[in-house]
Amino acid sequence: MIEALRSGARRIERIVIAEGARHERLREVFDLAKRARIPVRKEPRIALDRLAGGANHQGVMAIAAAASYTNEDDLIERITPQSLFILLDGVEDPHNLGAIIRTAECAGATAIIIPERRAAHITEVVAKTAAGATEYLPVARVTNLANFIEKLKQRNVWVVGVEASSDMNYTRYDYQGAVALVFGGEGHGLHRLVRERCDVTVSIPMRGHITSLNVSVAVGVVLFEAQRQRNQPMD
């Protein structure tokens, strides 16, 4: 990491340090990151474990982009009645993000939108899990997901939150037209401000003893239902 910071050969997006970490070279990391204007954030060690995808991180990680991001304004300008966006409200596991990108690309989604903070970004782990889908499916990062939802609604995009507490079965919603599907992160679901900006929320009924699906599976279930409806011949 030190050499990467010194050389500037790779685009490092941020440095993540585990809370309570003690490392003799951390001061040098701080100094180099400050000179390069790279954000340094402290996160719980479990968050670094997720980002590392099983690799040894020793309490400090440099997060470098493995693919370029699409500009959010470009996505807004290209909205059509056929647009189908996937918004992820704080998905932190890189394997989940990679699986979602792969599923969304296979289903023909328009783009994926992720927040800049408290979320997994496109790393090598994500790109590998996505099995090449990052080369085809646009992914945009936004500063504020709730504000981005407002921009979508101004362009006549219907925003559908997927939340376990909703009384509406996901199969009952009409996904015709421009739609954005919003999924919460692992464990916490949709944040309040994001939920409040959704036009409607839907849920996936559970029949077993476990009350929730992995977020990447939930994306696949709802997304393919939406595409089934949208591709269904008119009577």
Protein backbone atom coordinates (compact mmCIF):
# COMPACT_ATOMS: atom_id res chain seq x y z
CA MET A 1 0.00 0.00 0.00
CA ILE A 2 2.83 2.41 0.87
CA GLU A 3 4.36 1.96 -2.57
CA ALA A 4 0.99 2.43 -4.26
CA LEU A 5 0.51 5.70 -2.39
CA ARG A 6 4.00 6.88 -3.24
CA SER A 7 3.83 6.04 -6.93
CA GLY A 8 0.25 7.12 -7.60
CA ALA A 9 0.15 4.43 -10.30
CA ARG A 10 -3.26 3.16 -9.19
CA ARG A 11 -6.30 5.31 -8.44
CA ILE A 12 -6.81 4.82 -4.71
CA GLU A 13 -10.27 5.96 -3.68
CA ARG A 14 -9.90 5.80 0.08
CA ILE A 15 -7.90 4.29 2.93
CA VAL A 16 -9.82 2.24 5.50
CA ILE A 17 -8.34 1.56 8.94
CA ALA A 18 -9.81 -0.77 11.53
CA GLU A 19 -10.92 0.92 14.73
CA GLY A 20 -8.27 0.39 17.39
CA ALA A 21 -5.63 -0.69 14.89
CA ARG A 22 -2.00 -0.07 15.87
CA HIS A 23 0.56 -0.22 13.09
CA GLU A 24 4.03 1.31 13.00
CA ARG A 25 3.56 2.55 9.44
CA LEU A 26 0.12 4.10 9.89
CA ARG A 27 1.55 7.58 10.33
CA GLU A 28 3.26 7.33 6.96
CA VAL A 29 -0.01 6.14 5.43
CA PHE A 30 -1.81 9.15 6.93
CA ASP A 31 0.83 11.56 5.63
CA LEU A 32 0.89 10.13 2.09
CA ALA A 33 -2.91 9.99 1.91
CA LYS A 34 -3.17 13.60 3.07
CA ARG A 35 -0.73 14.76 0.38
CA ALA A 36 -2.68 12.86 -2.28
CA ARG A 37 -6.03 14.10 -0.89
CA ILE A 38 -7.23 10.55 -0.37
CA PRO A 39 -9.90 10.14 2.36
CA VAL A 40 -8.94 8.07 5.41
CA ARG A 41 -11.77 6.46 7.36
CA LYS A 42 -11.96 4.31 10.45
CA GLU A 43 -14.35 1.38 10.27
CA PRO A 44 -15.17 -1.60 12.51
CA ARG A 45 -12.81 -4.50 11.82
CA ILE A 46 -15.73 -6.58 10.54
CA ALA A 47 -16.23 -4.01 7.76
CA LEU A 48 -12.60 -4.51 6.66
CA ASP A 49 -13.13 -8.27 6.76
CA ARG A 50 -16.00 -7.87 4.28
CA LEU A 51 -14.01 -5.59 2.02
CA ALA A 52 -11.03 -7.95 2.01
CA GLY A 53 -13.18 -10.89 0.96
CA GLY A 54 -11.22 -13.29 3.16
CA ALA A 55 -7.74 -11.89 2.48
CA ASN A 56 -5.44 -10.75 5.31
CA HIS A 57 -5.73 -6.97 5.70
CA GLN A 58 -3.78 -6.38 8.98
CA GLY A 59 -6.18 -3.63 9.97
CA VAL A 60 -5.55 -1.25 7.08
CA MET A 61 -6.66 -1.31 3.44
CA ALA A 62 -6.36 0.85 0.35
CA ILE A 63 -9.48 0.71 -1.79
CA ALA A 64 -8.70 1.10 -5.49
CA ALA A 65 -11.26 1.14 -8.28
CA ALA A 66 -11.19 -1.90 -10.55
CA ALA A 67 -13.49 -0.22 -13.09
CA SER A 68 -14.60 3.30 -13.95
CA TYR A 69 -17.86 4.75 -12.69
CA THR A 70 -20.59 6.33 -14.78
CA ASN A 71 -21.49 9.95 -14.13
CA GLU A 72 -24.87 10.21 -12.39
CA ASP A 73 -25.92 13.20 -14.49
CA ASP A 74 -25.34 11.17 -17.65
CA LEU A 75 -27.69 8.49 -16.32
CA ILE A 76 -30.35 11.09 -15.56
CA GLU A 77 -30.09 12.58 -19.04
CA ARG A 78 -30.47 9.17 -20.71
CA ILE A 79 -33.63 8.10 -18.87
CA THR A 80 -36.27 6.53 -21.12
CA PRO A 81 -39.63 4.82 -20.42
CA GLN A 82 -37.70 1.52 -20.55
CA SER A 83 -35.12 2.47 -17.89
CA LEU A 84 -34.76 0.04 -15.00
CA PHE A 85 -32.37 1.12 -12.24
CA ILE A 86 -31.07 -0.80 -9.23
CA LEU A 87 -30.32 1.37 -6.19
CA LEU A 88 -28.36 -0.18 -3.31
CA ASP A 89 -28.76 1.46 0.07
CA GLY A 90 -25.55 0.47 1.85
CA VAL A 91 -24.60 -2.99 0.56
CA GLU A 92 -21.21 -3.50 2.22
CA ASP A 93 -20.20 -7.04 1.25
CA PRO A 94 -18.14 -6.99 -1.98
CA HIS A 95 -19.30 -10.49 -2.91
CA ASN A 96 -22.92 -9.37 -2.65
CA LEU A 97 -22.22 -6.31 -4.77
CA GLY A 98 -20.45 -8.42 -7.38
CA ALA A 99 -23.30 -10.93 -7.48
CA ILE A 100 -25.85 -8.11 -7.83
CA ILE A 101 -23.94 -6.55 -10.73
CA ARG A 102 -23.79 -9.92 -12.47
CA THR A 103 -27.52 -10.57 -11.94
CA ALA A 104 -28.50 -7.05 -13.02
CA GLU A 105 -26.47 -7.29 -16.20
CA CYS A 106 -27.98 -10.70 -17.05
CA ALA A 107 -31.48 -9.31 -16.49
CA GLY A 108 -30.88 -6.28 -18.69
CA ALA A 109 -30.98 -3.58 -16.02
CA THR A 110 -30.03 -0.05 -17.08
CA ALA A 111 -27.56 0.75 -14.30
CA ILE A 112 -26.69 0.26 -10.64
CA ILE A 113 -26.37 3.19 -8.25
CA ILE A 114 -24.42 2.96 -5.00
CA PRO A 115 -23.68 5.55 -2.28
CA GLU A 116 -20.15 6.85 -1.76
CA ARG A 117 -20.09 6.11 1.97
CA ARG A 118 -20.82 3.00 4.03
CA ALA A 119 -21.02 0.78 0.98
CA ALA A 120 -18.88 -1.59 -1.05
CA HIS A 121 -17.33 -0.09 -4.16
CA ILE A 122 -15.98 -1.70 -7.32
CA THR A 123 -12.82 -3.46 -6.22
CA GLU A 124 -11.02 -6.42 -7.73
CA VAL A 125 -13.05 -8.75 -5.49
CA VAL A 126 -16.29 -7.21 -6.78
CA ALA A 127 -15.15 -7.33 -10.41
CA LYS A 128 -14.14 -10.99 -10.07
CA THR A 129 -17.45 -11.96 -8.45
CA ALA A 130 -19.34 -10.07 -11.17
CA ALA A 131 -17.68 -12.36 -13.76
CA GLY A 132 -17.09 -9.58 -16.30
CA ALA A 133 -20.42 -7.79 -15.86
CA THR A 134 -18.68 -4.58 -14.71
CA GLU A 135 -17.49 -4.17 -18.31
CA TYR A 136 -21.07 -3.92 -19.59
CA LEU A 137 -23.33 -2.57 -16.85
CA PRO A 138 -22.96 1.10 -15.83
CA VAL A 139 -22.36 1.67 -12.11
CA ALA A 140 -22.65 5.16 -10.64
CA ARG A 141 -21.71 6.45 -7.20
CA VAL A 142 -23.74 9.23 -5.60
CA THR A 143 -23.08 11.38 -2.56
CA ASN A 144 -26.66 11.15 -1.28
CA LEU A 145 -28.95 8.31 -2.37
CA ALA A 146 -32.12 10.03 -1.12
CA ASN A 147 -31.34 13.13 -3.19
CA PHE A 148 -30.65 10.98 -6.24
CA ILE A 149 -34.08 9.38 -5.81
CA GLU A 150 -35.64 12.84 -5.96
CA LYS A 151 -33.83 13.48 -9.26
CA LEU A 152 -35.24 10.22 -10.65
CA LYS A 153 -38.77 11.11 -9.57
CA GLN A 154 -38.47 14.48 -11.30
CA ARG A 155 -37.86 12.51 -14.51
CA ASN A 156 -41.00 10.38 -13.99
CA VAL A 157 -39.19 7.32 -12.65
CA TRP A 158 -41.29 5.30 -10.19
CA VAL A 159 -39.24 4.30 -7.14
CA VAL A 160 -39.99 0.91 -5.56
CA GLY A 161 -38.39 0.01 -2.25
CA VAL A 162 -38.02 -3.65 -1.34
CA GLU A 163 -38.64 -4.05 2.38
CA ALA A 164 -39.64 -7.09 4.45
CA SER A 165 -42.22 -5.06 6.44
CA SER A 166 -44.24 -4.07 3.36
CA ASP A 167 -47.75 -5.51 3.00
CA MET A 168 -47.58 -5.55 -0.81
CA ASN A 169 -46.37 -8.74 -2.47
CA TYR A 170 -43.69 -7.87 -5.04
CA THR A 171 -45.64 -9.74 -7.76
CA ARG A 172 -48.64 -7.38 -7.36
CA TYR A 173 -46.81 -4.24 -8.41
CA ASP A 174 -46.91 -3.08 -12.03
CA TYR A 175 -43.31 -2.51 -13.16
CA GLN A 176 -44.15 -0.99 -16.53
CA GLY A 177 -42.43 2.26 -17.44
CA ALA A 178 -39.28 3.77 -15.98
CA VAL A 179 -38.63 2.14 -12.59
CA ALA A 180 -35.97 2.20 -9.88
CA LEU A 181 -35.76 -0.75 -7.50
CA VAL A 182 -34.22 0.08 -4.12
CA PHE A 183 -32.65 -2.57 -1.87
CA GLY A 184 -31.26 -2.13 1.63
CA GLY A 185 -27.93 -3.36 2.91
CA GLU A 186 -27.15 -6.46 4.89
CA GLY A 187 -29.05 -6.50 8.16
CA HIS A 188 -30.42 -2.95 8.35
CA GLY A 189 -32.72 -2.72 5.32
CA LEU A 190 -33.63 0.66 3.88
CA HIS A 191 -32.59 3.78 5.76
CA ARG A 192 -35.46 6.02 6.85
CA LEU A 193 -34.80 8.90 4.45
CA VAL A 194 -34.47 6.51 1.52
CA ARG A 195 -37.63 4.62 2.46
CA GLU A 196 -39.62 7.84 2.81
CA ARG A 197 -38.72 8.86 -0.73
CA CYS A 198 -39.91 5.61 -2.29
CA ASP A 199 -43.27 5.80 -4.06
CA VAL A 200 -44.17 2.34 -2.80
CA THR A 201 -42.58 -0.58 -0.96
CA VAL A 202 -42.98 -4.27 -1.76
CA SER A 203 -41.89 -7.45 -0.03
CA ILE A 204 -40.95 -11.01 -0.91
CA PRO A 205 -43.10 -13.47 1.10
CA MET A 206 -41.12 -15.97 3.18
CA ARG A 207 -42.42 -19.50 3.61
CA GLY A 208 -39.67 -21.01 5.75
CA HIS A 209 -38.24 -20.39 9.21
CA ILE A 210 -35.66 -17.84 8.00
CA THR A 211 -37.29 -14.43 7.58
CA SER A 212 -35.06 -12.80 4.98
CA LEU A 213 -33.06 -13.47 1.83
CA ASN A 214 -29.50 -12.51 1.02
CA VAL A 215 -29.70 -9.12 -0.71
CA SER A 216 -28.18 -10.44 -3.94
CA VAL A 217 -30.88 -13.14 -4.11
CA ALA A 218 -33.62 -10.58 -3.36
CA VAL A 219 -32.39 -8.42 -6.23
CA GLY A 220 -32.62 -11.38 -8.60
CA VAL A 221 -36.12 -12.34 -7.48
CA VAL A 222 -37.66 -8.87 -7.87
CA LEU A 223 -35.65 -7.85 -10.93
CA PHE A 224 -36.60 -10.88 -12.98
CA GLU A 225 -40.25 -10.46 -12.00
CA ALA A 226 -40.07 -6.87 -13.20
CA GLN A 227 -38.54 -7.94 -16.49
CA ARG A 228 -41.07 -10.75 -16.89
CA GLN A 229 -43.88 -8.21 -16.66
CA ARG A 230 -42.18 -5.71 -18.93
CA ASN A 231 -41.48 -8.30 -21.62
CA GLN A 232 -44.90 -9.90 -21.45
CA PRO A 233 -46.89 -9.45 -24.69
CA MET A 234 -49.85 -7.12 -24.38
CA ASP A 235 -53.29 -8.79 -24.55
